[in-house]
C-alpha atoms as a PDB file:
ATOM      1  CA  UNK A   1     197.082 -19.639 -19.760  1.00  0.00           C
ATOM      2  CA  UNK A   2     196.001 -19.354 -23.382  1.00  0.00           C
ATOM      3  CA  UNK A   3     193.496 -16.813 -24.567  1.00  0.00           C
ATOM      4  CA  UNK A   4     189.885 -17.756 -25.194  1.00  0.00           C
ATOM      5  CA  UNK A   5     189.511 -20.383 -27.896  1.00  0.00           C
ATOM      6  CA  UNK A   6     185.737 -20.234 -28.167  1.00  0.00           C
ATOM      7  CA  UNK A   7     184.494 -19.122 -31.562  1.00  0.00           C
ATOM      8  CA  UNK A   8     181.338 -17.254 -32.480  1.00  0.00           C
ATOM      9  CA  UNK A   9     180.206 -20.140 -34.703  1.00  0.00           C
ATOM     10  CA  UNK A  10     179.984 -22.572 -31.803  1.00  0.00           C
ATOM     11  CA  UNK A  11     177.474 -22.644 -28.987  1.00  0.00           C
ATOM     12  CA  UNK A  12     179.355 -23.890 -25.953  1.00  0.00           C
ATOM     13  CA  UNK A  13     177.964 -25.048 -22.604  1.00  0.00           C
ATOM     14  CA  UNK A  14     177.868 -22.587 -19.743  1.00  0.00           C
ATOM     15  CA  UNK A  15     177.911 -25.351 -17.124  1.00  0.00           C
ATOM     16  CA  UNK A  16     179.750 -28.668 -17.497  1.00  0.00           C
ATOM     17  CA  UNK A  17     179.451 -31.494 -14.975  1.00  0.00           C
ATOM     18  CA  UNK A  18     181.936 -34.369 -15.001  1.00  0.00           C
ATOM     19  CA  UNK A  19     181.761 -37.806 -13.392  1.00  0.00           C
ATOM     20  CA  UNK A  20     185.473 -38.590 -13.161  1.00  0.00           C
ATOM     21  CA  UNK A  21     185.323 -42.383 -13.390  1.00  0.00           C
ATOM     22  CA  UNK A  22     188.040 -44.930 -14.049  1.00  0.00           C
ATOM     23  CA  UNK A  23     190.865 -44.057 -11.656  1.00  0.00           C
ATOM     24  CA  UNK A  24     191.117 -47.504 -10.077  1.00  0.00           C
ATOM     25  CA  UNK A  25     190.933 -49.294 -13.417  1.00  0.00           C
ATOM     26  CA  UNK A  26     193.630 -47.016 -14.801  1.00  0.00           C
ATOM     27  CA  UNK A  27     195.876 -47.778 -11.837  1.00  0.00           C
ATOM     28  CA  UNK A  28     195.427 -51.524 -12.251  1.00  0.00           C
ATOM     29  CA  UNK A  29     196.040 -51.362 -16.016  1.00  0.00           C
ATOM     30  CA  UNK A  30     199.235 -49.394 -15.469  1.00  0.00           C
ATOM     31  CA  UNK A  31     200.471 -51.655 -12.668  1.00  0.00           C
ATOM     32  CA  UNK A  32     200.377 -48.839 -10.134  1.00  0.00           C
ATOM     33  CA  UNK A  33     200.176 -49.307  -6.388  1.00  0.00           C
ATOM     34  CA  UNK A  34     196.901 -49.341  -4.491  1.00  0.00           C
ATOM     35  CA  UNK A  35     195.254 -45.936  -4.683  1.00  0.00           C
ATOM     36  CA  UNK A  36     197.764 -44.445  -7.119  1.00  0.00           C
ATOM     37  CA  UNK A  37     195.139 -44.320  -9.870  1.00  0.00           C
ATOM     38  CA  UNK A  38     193.360 -41.671  -7.818  1.00  0.00           C
ATOM     39  CA  UNK A  39     196.578 -39.652  -7.647  1.00  0.00           C
ATOM     40  CA  UNK A  40     196.822 -39.741 -11.444  1.00  0.00           C
ATOM     41  CA  UNK A  41     193.173 -38.738 -11.632  1.00  0.00           C
ATOM     42  CA  UNK A  42     193.866 -35.688  -9.487  1.00  0.00           C
ATOM     43  CA  UNK A  43     196.564 -34.603 -11.931  1.00  0.00           C
ATOM     44  CA  UNK A  44     194.178 -34.887 -14.873  1.00  0.00           C
ATOM     45  CA  UNK A  45     191.919 -32.144 -13.513  1.00  0.00           C
ATOM     46  CA  UNK A  46     194.194 -29.117 -14.006  1.00  0.00           C
ATOM     47  CA  UNK A  47     194.367 -29.142 -17.843  1.00  0.00           C
ATOM     48  CA  UNK A  48     190.593 -29.615 -18.033  1.00  0.00           C
ATOM     49  CA  UNK A  49     190.009 -26.635 -15.735  1.00  0.00           C
ATOM     50  CA  UNK A  50     192.343 -24.475 -17.801  1.00  0.00           C
ATOM     51  CA  UNK A  51     190.739 -25.527 -21.072  1.00  0.00           C
ATOM     52  CA  UNK A  52     187.250 -24.749 -19.758  1.00  0.00           C
ATOM     53  CA  UNK A  53     188.437 -21.340 -18.612  1.00  0.00           C
ATOM     54  CA  UNK A  54     190.064 -20.583 -21.971  1.00  0.00           C
ATOM     55  CA  UNK A  55     186.924 -21.737 -23.794  1.00  0.00           C
ATOM     56  CA  UNK A  56     184.596 -19.455 -21.880  1.00  0.00           C
ATOM     57  CA  UNK A  57     182.825 -22.083 -19.762  1.00  0.00           C
ATOM     58  CA  UNK A  58     181.293 -20.405 -16.705  1.00  0.00           C
ATOM     59  CA  UNK A  59     180.922 -23.364 -14.322  1.00  0.00           C
ATOM     60  CA  UNK A  60     182.736 -26.714 -14.109  1.00  0.00           C
ATOM     61  CA  UNK A  61     181.397 -29.161 -11.523  1.00  0.00           C
ATOM     62  CA  UNK A  62     183.336 -32.352 -10.853  1.00  0.00           C
ATOM     63  CA  UNK A  63     182.178 -35.391  -8.896  1.00  0.00           C
ATOM     64  CA  UNK A  64     185.041 -36.094  -6.503  1.00  0.00           C
ATOM     65  CA  UNK A  65     183.324 -38.238  -3.847  1.00  0.00           C
ATOM     66  CA  UNK A  66     179.720 -39.402  -3.777  1.00  0.00           C
ATOM     67  CA  UNK A  67     177.502 -40.105  -0.799  1.00  0.00           C
ATOM     68  CA  UNK A  68     177.680 -43.780  -1.815  1.00  0.00           C
ATOM     69  CA  UNK A  69     181.491 -43.748  -1.864  1.00  0.00           C
ATOM     70  CA  UNK A  70     181.493 -43.914   1.944  1.00  0.00           C
ATOM     71  CA  UNK A  71     180.831 -47.641   1.451  1.00  0.00           C
ATOM     72  CA  UNK A  72     184.259 -48.178  -0.139  1.00  0.00           C
ATOM     73  CA  UNK A  73     187.125 -49.803   1.817  1.00  0.00           C
ATOM     74  CA  UNK A  74     188.337 -47.625   4.682  1.00  0.00           C
ATOM     75  CA  UNK A  75     191.867 -47.293   3.303  1.00  0.00           C
ATOM     76  CA  UNK A  76     190.509 -45.982  -0.005  1.00  0.00           C
ATOM     77  CA  UNK A  77     188.156 -43.517   1.699  1.00  0.00           C
ATOM     78  CA  UNK A  78     191.019 -42.221   3.829  1.00  0.00           C
ATOM     79  CA  UNK A  79     193.210 -41.793   0.742  1.00  0.00           C
ATOM     80  CA  UNK A  80     190.455 -39.944  -1.114  1.00  0.00           C
ATOM     81  CA  UNK A  81     189.959 -37.581   1.816  1.00  0.00           C
ATOM     82  CA  UNK A  82     193.706 -36.891   1.887  1.00  0.00           C
ATOM     83  CA  UNK A  83     193.718 -36.241  -1.852  1.00  0.00           C
ATOM     84  CA  UNK A  84     190.752 -33.892  -1.557  1.00  0.00           C
ATOM     85  CA  UNK A  85     192.584 -31.888   1.084  1.00  0.00           C
ATOM     86  CA  UNK A  86     195.726 -31.862  -1.059  1.00  0.00           C
ATOM     87  CA  UNK A  87     193.711 -30.828  -4.112  1.00  0.00           C
ATOM     88  CA  UNK A  88     192.430 -27.746  -2.275  1.00  0.00           C
ATOM     89  CA  UNK A  89     195.981 -26.797  -1.272  1.00  0.00           C
ATOM     90  CA  UNK A  90     197.222 -27.224  -4.835  1.00  0.00           C
ATOM     91  CA  UNK A  91     194.302 -25.457  -6.465  1.00  0.00           C
ATOM     92  CA  UNK A  92     194.304 -22.308  -4.358  1.00  0.00           C
ATOM     93  CA  UNK A  93     197.276 -20.629  -6.085  1.00  0.00           C
ATOM     94  CA  UNK A  94     195.691 -21.438  -9.451  1.00  0.00           C
ATOM     95  CA  UNK A  95     192.357 -20.035  -8.295  1.00  0.00           C
ATOM     96  CA  UNK A  96     194.023 -16.764  -7.329  1.00  0.00           C
ATOM     97  CA  UNK A  97     196.110 -16.597 -10.497  1.00  0.00           C
ATOM     98  CA  UNK A  98     193.189 -17.146 -12.843  1.00  0.00           C
ATOM     99  CA  UNK A  99     190.485 -15.552 -10.635  1.00  0.00           C
ATOM    100  CA  UNK A 100     188.458 -18.775 -10.426  1.00  0.00           C
ATOM    101  CA  UNK A 101     185.894 -19.151  -7.683  1.00  0.00           C
ATOM    102  CA  UNK A 102     186.123 -22.452  -5.770  1.00  0.00           C
ATOM    103  CA  UNK A 103     182.969 -23.964  -4.296  1.00  0.00           C
ATOM    104  CA  UNK A 104     181.926 -27.245  -2.713  1.00  0.00           C
ATOM    105  CA  UNK A 105     178.607 -29.069  -2.612  1.00  0.00           C
ATOM    106  CA  UNK A 106     177.551 -32.064  -0.544  1.00  0.00           C
ATOM    107  CA  UNK A 107     176.775 -33.189   2.993  1.00  0.00           C
ATOM    108  CA  UNK A 108     179.687 -31.633   4.873  1.00  0.00           C
ATOM    109  CA  UNK A 109     178.782 -32.919   8.328  1.00  0.00           C
ATOM    110  CA  UNK A 110     180.218 -36.327   7.396  1.00  0.00           C
ATOM    111  CA  UNK A 111     183.653 -34.796   6.727  1.00  0.00           C
ATOM    112  CA  UNK A 112     186.241 -34.210   9.436  1.00  0.00           C
ATOM    113  CA  UNK A 113     186.469 -30.754  10.973  1.00  0.00           C
ATOM    114  CA  UNK A 114     189.840 -29.913   9.415  1.00  0.00           C
ATOM    115  CA  UNK A 115     188.639 -30.608   5.880  1.00  0.00           C
ATOM    116  CA  UNK A 116     185.421 -28.674   6.472  1.00  0.00           C
ATOM    117  CA  UNK A 117     187.423 -25.689   7.694  1.00  0.00           C
ATOM    118  CA  UNK A 118     189.763 -25.847   4.701  1.00  0.00           C
ATOM    119  CA  UNK A 119     186.795 -25.935   2.319  1.00  0.00           C
ATOM    120  CA  UNK A 120     185.155 -22.953   4.016  1.00  0.00           C
ATOM    121  CA  UNK A 121     188.402 -20.968   3.931  1.00  0.00           C
ATOM    122  CA  UNK A 122     188.877 -21.684   0.213  1.00  0.00           C
ATOM    123  CA  UNK A 123     185.337 -20.580  -0.572  1.00  0.00           C
ATOM    124  CA  UNK A 124     185.760 -17.409   1.432  1.00  0.00           C
ATOM    125  CA  UNK A 125     189.095 -16.529  -0.218  1.00  0.00           C
ATOM    126  CA  UNK A 126     187.752 -16.945  -3.751  1.00  0.00           C
ATOM    127  CA  UNK A 127     184.180 -15.736  -3.281  1.00  0.00           C
ATOM    128  CA  UNK A 128     184.666 -12.580  -5.368  1.00  0.00           C
ATOM    129  CA  UNK A 129     186.460 -14.207  -8.321  1.00  0.00           C
ATOM    130  CA  UNK A 130     184.402 -14.113 -11.529  1.00  0.00           C
ATOM    131  CA  UNK A 131     186.468 -15.650 -14.361  1.00  0.00           C
ATOM    132  CA  UNK A 132     184.928 -19.097 -13.793  1.00  0.00           C
ATOM    133  CA  UNK A 133     183.565 -21.255 -10.982  1.00  0.00           C
ATOM    134  CA  UNK A 134     185.048 -24.651 -10.145  1.00  0.00           C
ATOM    135  CA  UNK A 135     182.678 -26.753  -8.045  1.00  0.00           C
ATOM    136  CA  UNK A 136     183.883 -29.894  -6.289  1.00  0.00           C
ATOM    137  CA  UNK A 137     181.154 -32.307  -5.178  1.00  0.00           C
ATOM    138  CA  UNK A 138     182.212 -34.058  -1.949  1.00  0.00           C
ATOM    139  CA  UNK A 139     179.948 -36.473  -0.068  1.00  0.00           C
ATOM    140  CA  UNK A 140     177.288 -35.473  -2.574  1.00  0.00           C
ATOM    141  CA  UNK A 141     174.225 -37.304  -3.853  1.00  0.00           C
ATOM    142  CA  UNK A 142     171.460 -35.978  -6.065  1.00  0.00           C
ATOM    143  CA  UNK A 143     168.728 -37.681  -4.053  1.00  0.00           C
ATOM    144  CA  UNK A 144     170.107 -36.170  -0.832  1.00  0.00           C
ATOM    145  CA  UNK A 145     170.167 -32.775  -2.559  1.00  0.00           C
ATOM    146  CA  UNK A 146     166.489 -32.930  -3.545  1.00  0.00           C
ATOM    147  CA  UNK A 147     165.440 -34.317  -0.152  1.00  0.00           C
ATOM    148  CA  UNK A 148     167.372 -31.531   1.570  1.00  0.00           C
ATOM    149  CA  UNK A 149     165.601 -28.928  -0.563  1.00  0.00           C
ATOM    150  CA  UNK A 150     162.246 -30.491   0.325  1.00  0.00           C
ATOM    151  CA  UNK A 151     163.150 -30.379   4.027  1.00  0.00           C
ATOM    152  CA  UNK A 152     163.931 -26.649   3.758  1.00  0.00           C
ATOM    153  CA  UNK A 153     160.509 -25.991   2.240  1.00  0.00           C
ATOM    154  CA  UNK A 154     158.832 -28.190   4.866  1.00  0.00           C
ATOM    155  CA  UNK A 155     160.471 -26.127   7.600  1.00  0.00           C
ATOM    156  CA  UNK A 156     159.168 -22.948   5.962  1.00  0.00           C
ATOM    157  CA  UNK A 157     155.663 -24.430   5.911  1.00  0.00           C
ATOM    158  CA  UNK A 158     155.976 -25.488   9.554  1.00  0.00           C
ATOM    159  CA  UNK A 159     157.084 -21.984  10.513  1.00  0.00           C
ATOM    160  CA  UNK A 160     154.065 -20.506   8.758  1.00  0.00           C
ATOM    161  CA  UNK A 161     156.135 -18.726   6.124  1.00  0.00           C
ATOM    162  CA  UNK A 162     154.988 -20.824   3.174  1.00  0.00           C
ATOM    163  CA  UNK A 163     151.720 -22.427   2.164  1.00  0.00           C
ATOM    164  CA  UNK A 164     151.816 -25.925   0.703  1.00  0.00           C
ATOM    165  CA  UNK A 165     149.817 -24.680  -2.278  1.00  0.00           C
ATOM    166  CA  UNK A 166     152.730 -22.389  -3.132  1.00  0.00           C
ATOM    167  CA  UNK A 167     155.282 -25.200  -3.420  1.00  0.00           C
ATOM    168  CA  UNK A 168     156.298 -25.405  -7.076  1.00  0.00           C
ATOM    169  CA  UNK A 169     159.152 -26.837  -9.081  1.00  0.00           C
ATOM    170  CA  UNK A 170     160.645 -23.353  -9.162  1.00  0.00           C
ATOM    171  CA  UNK A 171     160.550 -23.020  -5.374  1.00  0.00           C
ATOM    172  CA  UNK A 172     162.092 -26.439  -4.888  1.00  0.00           C
ATOM    173  CA  UNK A 173     164.723 -25.722  -7.516  1.00  0.00           C
ATOM    174  CA  UNK A 174     165.685 -22.559  -5.684  1.00  0.00           C
ATOM    175  CA  UNK A 175     166.747 -24.664  -2.677  1.00  0.00           C
ATOM    176  CA  UNK A 176     168.923 -27.299  -4.358  1.00  0.00           C
ATOM    177  CA  UNK A 177     172.679 -26.985  -4.470  1.00  0.00           C
ATOM    178  CA  UNK A 178     173.980 -24.583  -7.158  1.00  0.00           C
ATOM    179  CA  UNK A 179     170.599 -22.919  -7.587  1.00  0.00           C
ATOM    180  CA  UNK A 180     172.426 -19.647  -8.237  1.00  0.00           C
ATOM    181  CA  UNK A 181     174.352 -20.826 -11.315  1.00  0.00           C
ATOM    182  CA  UNK A 182     173.165 -21.962 -14.767  1.00  0.00           C
ATOM    183  CA  UNK A 183     171.695 -25.452 -15.007  1.00  0.00           C
ATOM    184  CA  UNK A 184     174.009 -28.170 -16.286  1.00  0.00           C
ATOM    185  CA  UNK A 185     174.265 -28.018 -20.095  1.00  0.00           C
ATOM    186  CA  UNK A 186     176.727 -30.875 -20.607  1.00  0.00           C
ATOM    187  CA  UNK A 187     177.198 -33.916 -18.375  1.00  0.00           C
ATOM    188  CA  UNK A 188     180.264 -36.050 -19.112  1.00  0.00           C
ATOM    189  CA  UNK A 189     181.062 -39.478 -17.705  1.00  0.00           C
ATOM    190  CA  UNK A 190     184.421 -41.067 -18.363  1.00  0.00           C
ATOM    191  CA  UNK A 191     185.326 -44.714 -17.834  1.00  0.00           C
ATOM    192  CA  UNK A 192     182.879 -46.491 -20.132  1.00  0.00           C
ATOM    193  CA  UNK A 193     179.870 -46.652 -17.802  1.00  0.00           C
ATOM    194  CA  UNK A 194     176.458 -45.415 -18.993  1.00  0.00           C
ATOM    195  CA  UNK A 195     174.768 -44.013 -15.906  1.00  0.00           C
ATOM    196  CA  UNK A 196     174.784 -40.738 -13.993  1.00  0.00           C
ATOM    197  CA  UNK A 197     175.156 -42.329 -10.545  1.00  0.00           C
ATOM    198  CA  UNK A 198     172.999 -39.958  -8.493  1.00  0.00           C
ATOM    199  CA  UNK A 199     174.895 -36.867  -9.669  1.00  0.00           C
ATOM    200  CA  UNK A 200     173.109 -33.493 -10.002  1.00  0.00           C
ATOM    201  CA  UNK A 201     169.774 -35.139 -10.785  1.00  0.00           C
ATOM    202  CA  UNK A 202     167.766 -31.920 -10.574  1.00  0.00           C
ATOM    203  CA  UNK A 203     170.351 -29.650 -12.162  1.00  0.00           C
ATOM    204  CA  UNK A 204     170.908 -31.992 -15.137  1.00  0.00           C
ATOM    205  CA  UNK A 205     167.258 -32.344 -16.146  1.00  0.00           C
ATOM    206  CA  UNK A 206     167.989 -31.059 -19.669  1.00  0.00           C
ATOM    207  CA  UNK A 207     171.719 -31.693 -19.859  1.00  0.00           C
ATOM    208  CA  UNK A 208     173.257 -33.162 -22.988  1.00  0.00           C
ATOM    209  CA  UNK A 209     174.867 -36.465 -21.985  1.00  0.00           C
ATOM    210  CA  UNK A 210     178.327 -37.530 -23.128  1.00  0.00           C
ATOM    211  CA  UNK A 211     179.871 -40.913 -22.341  1.00  0.00           C
ATOM    212  CA  UNK A 212     183.396 -42.005 -23.194  1.00  0.00           C
ATOM    213  CA  UNK A 213     185.382 -45.201 -22.675  1.00  0.00           C
ATOM    214  CA  UNK A 214     188.408 -43.064 -21.804  1.00  0.00           C
ATOM    215  CA  UNK A 215     189.441 -43.525 -18.185  1.00  0.00           C
ATOM    216  CA  UNK A 216     189.548 -40.237 -16.266  1.00  0.00           C
ATOM    217  CA  UNK A 217     193.358 -40.017 -15.871  1.00  0.00           C
ATOM    218  CA  UNK A 218     193.620 -40.239 -19.682  1.00  0.00           C
ATOM    219  CA  UNK A 219     190.884 -37.699 -20.439  1.00  0.00           C
ATOM    220  CA  UNK A 220     192.397 -34.675 -22.176  1.00  0.00           C
ATOM    221  CA  UNK A 221     191.360 -31.239 -23.474  1.00  0.00           C
ATOM    222  CA  UNK A 222     191.570 -32.690 -27.007  1.00  0.00           C
ATOM    223  CA  UNK A 223     188.736 -35.110 -26.268  1.00  0.00           C
ATOM    224  CA  UNK A 224     186.808 -32.377 -24.497  1.00  0.00           C
ATOM    225  CA  UNK A 225     187.143 -30.227 -27.628  1.00  0.00           C
ATOM    226  CA  UNK A 226     185.579 -32.995 -29.713  1.00  0.00           C
ATOM    227  CA  UNK A 227     182.684 -33.065 -27.267  1.00  0.00           C
ATOM    228  CA  UNK A 228     182.339 -29.291 -27.580  1.00  0.00           C
ATOM    229  CA  UNK A 229     182.040 -29.703 -31.352  1.00  0.00           C
ATOM    230  CA  UNK A 230     179.362 -32.363 -30.893  1.00  0.00           C
ATOM    231  CA  UNK A 231     177.518 -30.223 -28.333  1.00  0.00           C
ATOM    232  CA  UNK A 232     177.420 -27.245 -30.698  1.00  0.00           C
ATOM    233  CA  UNK A 233     175.698 -29.394 -33.346  1.00  0.00           C
ATOM    234  CA  UNK A 234     172.947 -30.716 -31.084  1.00  0.00           C
ATOM    235  CA  UNK A 235     169.546 -29.054 -31.094  1.00  0.00           C
ATOM    236  CA  UNK A 236     168.350 -28.417 -27.569  1.00  0.00           C
ATOM    237  CA  UNK A 237     164.548 -28.256 -27.683  1.00  0.00           C
ATOM    238  CA  UNK A 238     163.532 -28.151 -23.989  1.00  0.00           C
ATOM    239  CA  UNK A 239     160.160 -29.716 -24.825  1.00  0.00           C
ATOM    240  CA  UNK A 240     159.529 -27.705 -27.994  1.00  0.00           C
ATOM    241  CA  UNK A 241     159.453 -29.001 -31.533  1.00  0.00           C
ATOM    242  CA  UNK A 242     162.345 -28.646 -33.945  1.00  0.00           C
ATOM    243  CA  UNK A 243     160.254 -26.233 -36.002  1.00  0.00           C
ATOM    244  CA  UNK A 244     159.663 -23.988 -33.000  1.00  0.00           C
ATOM    245  CA  UNK A 245     163.362 -23.921 -32.146  1.00  0.00           C
ATOM    246  CA  UNK A 246     164.303 -23.193 -35.757  1.00  0.00           C
ATOM    247  CA  UNK A 247     161.795 -20.351 -35.886  1.00  0.00           C
ATOM    248  CA  UNK A 248     163.251 -18.797 -32.748  1.00  0.00           C
ATOM    249  CA  UNK A 249     166.755 -18.975 -34.164  1.00  0.00           C
ATOM    250  CA  UNK A 250     165.870 -17.589 -37.594  1.00  0.00           C
ATOM    251  CA  UNK A 251     166.586 -13.844 -37.757  1.00  0.00           C
ATOM    252  CA  UNK A 252     163.564 -11.725 -38.711  1.00  0.00           C
ATOM    253  CA  UNK A 253     163.270 -10.473 -42.257  1.00  0.00           C
ATOM    254  CA  UNK A 254     163.738  -6.699 -42.492  1.00  0.00           C
END
């Protein structure tokens, strides 16, 4: 593991979210067997995790399997579930070595009991690690996430613990997945598609969007570095004017 490569002159994202798209197309282009593109995609994750850690990124969330992916052919779903289980096994030694916390988000009840247990064990083992957090989204959808948060608030209202007049964006946001980590600063999609596909809709409200034609198995830390450079040059206004942001960033005259 290299030492931190972040520099004081760059403002880097605290939370990066990645839609890892293009595995099947990569496999077909390379003449690989059915499903082998996903295996290559799994291998592409490790160098990205290590680069984020070395750069000082606090949270990396990757979209491994969406709630819509259940509609894919059964053989592909089964392979993806096997790869997810294998990924956890392979990542655990790395999590311990680099003190990375491993977390999962999504509707777990749709997963088999063995995978659910493995996920829970991994989260428990790494819960106290603070170098970085790696989040894997499995059976996840942004619309489900928001609806689930709304259901939690509705149950609080029904129980008499919350008044409807007190429901705010802040209260709802406190119930979505990953409410305890920074909001997404940078959302990356590989594979040449220009949509966010129901991924972290609430958490990415003010994320800077990055799209690349590079298929996920070919995505490298070098390309991520170029995105970091671009990110550091963007002005993030959060509804304010450029003049207001500039004024906040200008040191006071003494």
